[in-house]
Amino acid sequence: SIEVEEKLSIDLVENIAEIKEDIIQRLQHLKNVPNRLENPNIYHLDVGAMYPNIILTNRLQPSAIVNSTICAQCDLNRPN
């Protein structure tokens, strides 16, 4: 991530060993105690209200004309 996304040398990170050890400890704790006690954050997104905005923002249009080539590529295409 540091080298590919940020285009920096790994040598520039001063505390990489500390960060690595912290991540390993957290993952080990998660492995040892898989039952989580924290309350989850539940978000309600009104996707129905967002859909028209997404279409308008990205200038997308649902395909109105469907032919057998498009249907053949569809994941939901089943014999029945």
C-alpha atoms as a PDB file:
ATOM      1  CA  SER A   1       0.000   0.000   0.000  1.00  0.00           C
ATOM      2  CA  ILE A   2       2.786   2.401   0.875  1.00  0.00           C
ATOM      3  CA  GLU A   3       4.827   1.638  -2.205  1.00  0.00           C
ATOM      4  CA  VAL A   4       2.023   1.103  -4.728  1.00  0.00           C
ATOM      5  CA  GLU A   5      -0.677   3.567  -3.692  1.00  0.00           C
ATOM      6  CA  GLU A   6       1.394   6.279  -2.047  1.00  0.00           C
ATOM      7  CA  LYS A   7       4.459   5.758  -4.279  1.00  0.00           C
ATOM      8  CA  LEU A   8       6.825   6.034  -1.326  1.00  0.00           C
ATOM      9  CA  SER A   9       9.751   3.917  -0.279  1.00  0.00           C
ATOM     10  CA  ILE A  10       9.147   1.591   2.643  1.00  0.00           C
ATOM     11  CA  ASP A  11      12.406   2.879   4.135  1.00  0.00           C
ATOM     12  CA  LEU A  12      10.796   6.273   4.752  1.00  0.00           C
ATOM     13  CA  VAL A  13       8.422   4.819   7.358  1.00  0.00           C
ATOM     14  CA  GLU A  14      10.081   5.252  10.739  1.00  0.00           C
ATOM     15  CA  ASN A  15       7.863   3.060  12.926  1.00  0.00           C
ATOM     16  CA  ILE A  16       6.935   0.229  10.570  1.00  0.00           C
ATOM     17  CA  ALA A  17       7.957  -2.460  13.073  1.00  0.00           C
ATOM     18  CA  GLU A  18       5.669  -0.948  15.742  1.00  0.00           C
ATOM     19  CA  ILE A  19       2.754  -0.695  13.330  1.00  0.00           C
ATOM     20  CA  LYS A  20       3.289  -4.263  12.129  1.00  0.00           C
ATOM     21  CA  GLU A  21       3.436  -5.566  15.713  1.00  0.00           C
ATOM     22  CA  ASP A  22       0.246  -3.659  16.619  1.00  0.00           C
ATOM     23  CA  ILE A  23      -1.607  -5.157  13.646  1.00  0.00           C
ATOM     24  CA  ILE A  24      -0.366  -8.650  14.496  1.00  0.00           C
ATOM     25  CA  GLN A  25      -1.480  -8.274  18.122  1.00  0.00           C
ATOM     26  CA  ARG A  26      -4.939  -7.061  17.094  1.00  0.00           C
ATOM     27  CA  LEU A  27      -5.376  -9.911  14.624  1.00  0.00           C
ATOM     28  CA  GLN A  28      -4.163 -12.425  17.191  1.00  0.00           C
ATOM     29  CA  HIS A  29      -6.652 -11.039  19.737  1.00  0.00           C
ATOM     30  CA  LEU A  30      -9.437 -11.328  17.164  1.00  0.00           C
ATOM     31  CA  LYS A  31      -8.421 -14.927  16.528  1.00  0.00           C
ATOM     32  CA  ASN A  32      -8.277 -15.776  20.245  1.00  0.00           C
ATOM     33  CA  VAL A  33     -11.517 -13.975  21.157  1.00  0.00           C
ATOM     34  CA  PRO A  34     -13.831 -14.363  18.141  1.00  0.00           C
ATOM     35  CA  ASN A  35     -16.987 -13.416  20.071  1.00  0.00           C
ATOM     36  CA  ARG A  36     -17.311  -9.666  19.732  1.00  0.00           C
ATOM     37  CA  LEU A  37     -18.855  -7.692  22.573  1.00  0.00           C
ATOM     38  CA  GLU A  38     -19.052  -4.311  20.865  1.00  0.00           C
ATOM     39  CA  ASN A  39     -22.404  -3.012  19.705  1.00  0.00           C
ATOM     40  CA  PRO A  40     -22.475  -2.718  15.919  1.00  0.00           C
ATOM     41  CA  ASN A  41     -23.136   0.548  14.147  1.00  0.00           C
ATOM     42  CA  ILE A  42     -26.270   0.157  12.070  1.00  0.00           C
ATOM     43  CA  TYR A  43     -26.815   2.594   9.253  1.00  0.00           C
ATOM     44  CA  HIS A  44     -29.998   2.939   7.255  1.00  0.00           C
ATOM     45  CA  LEU A  45     -29.444   4.137   3.727  1.00  0.00           C
ATOM     46  CA  ASP A  46     -32.421   5.102   1.647  1.00  0.00           C
ATOM     47  CA  VAL A  47     -31.124   3.531  -1.534  1.00  0.00           C
ATOM     48  CA  GLY A  48     -34.392   4.134  -3.345  1.00  0.00           C
ATOM     49  CA  ALA A  49     -33.926   7.871  -2.933  1.00  0.00           C
ATOM     50  CA  MET A  50     -30.288   7.687  -3.955  1.00  0.00           C
ATOM     51  CA  TYR A  51     -30.896   5.738  -7.172  1.00  0.00           C
ATOM     52  CA  PRO A  52     -32.233   8.638  -9.326  1.00  0.00           C
ATOM     53  CA  ASN A  53     -29.381  10.863  -8.129  1.00  0.00           C
ATOM     54  CA  ILE A  54     -26.815   8.229  -9.047  1.00  0.00           C
ATOM     55  CA  ILE A  55     -28.325   7.875 -12.499  1.00  0.00           C
ATOM     56  CA  LEU A  56     -28.419  11.644 -13.060  1.00  0.00           C
ATOM     57  CA  THR A  57     -24.964  12.270 -11.616  1.00  0.00           C
ATOM     58  CA  ASN A  58     -23.273   9.592 -13.680  1.00  0.00           C
ATOM     59  CA  ARG A  59     -25.558  10.068 -16.663  1.00  0.00           C
ATOM     60  CA  LEU A  60     -26.481   6.410 -16.598  1.00  0.00           C
ATOM     61  CA  GLN A  61     -29.577   4.954 -18.129  1.00  0.00           C
ATOM     62  CA  PRO A  62     -30.923   1.492 -17.510  1.00  0.00           C
ATOM     63  CA  SER A  63     -30.851  -0.608 -20.631  1.00  0.00           C
ATOM     64  CA  ALA A  64     -34.295  -0.368 -22.196  1.00  0.00           C
ATOM     65  CA  ILE A  65     -33.727  -2.757 -25.063  1.00  0.00           C
ATOM     66  CA  VAL A  66     -32.740  -6.269 -24.067  1.00  0.00           C
ATOM     67  CA  ASN A  67     -31.869  -8.938 -26.598  1.00  0.00           C
ATOM     68  CA  SER A  68     -30.737 -12.561 -26.315  1.00  0.00           C
ATOM     69  CA  THR A  69     -27.052 -11.563 -26.249  1.00  0.00           C
ATOM     70  CA  ILE A  70     -27.514  -9.371 -23.186  1.00  0.00           C
ATOM     71  CA  CYS A  71     -29.688 -12.001 -21.497  1.00  0.00           C
ATOM     72  CA  ALA A  72     -27.087 -14.711 -22.138  1.00  0.00           C
ATOM     73  CA  GLN A  73     -24.495 -12.716 -20.185  1.00  0.00           C
ATOM     74  CA  CYS A  74     -26.791 -12.048 -17.223  1.00  0.00           C
ATOM     75  CA  ASP A  75     -26.058 -13.807 -13.912  1.00  0.00           C
ATOM     76  CA  LEU A  76     -29.787 -14.291 -13.374  1.00  0.00           C
ATOM     77  CA  ASN A  77     -30.270 -16.082 -16.693  1.00  0.00           C
ATOM     78  CA  ARG A  78     -31.610 -19.529 -15.769  1.00  0.00           C
ATOM     79  CA  PRO A  79     -33.501 -22.084 -17.832  1.00  0.00           C
ATOM     80  CA  ASN A  80     -36.778 -21.417 -15.981  1.00  0.00           C
END
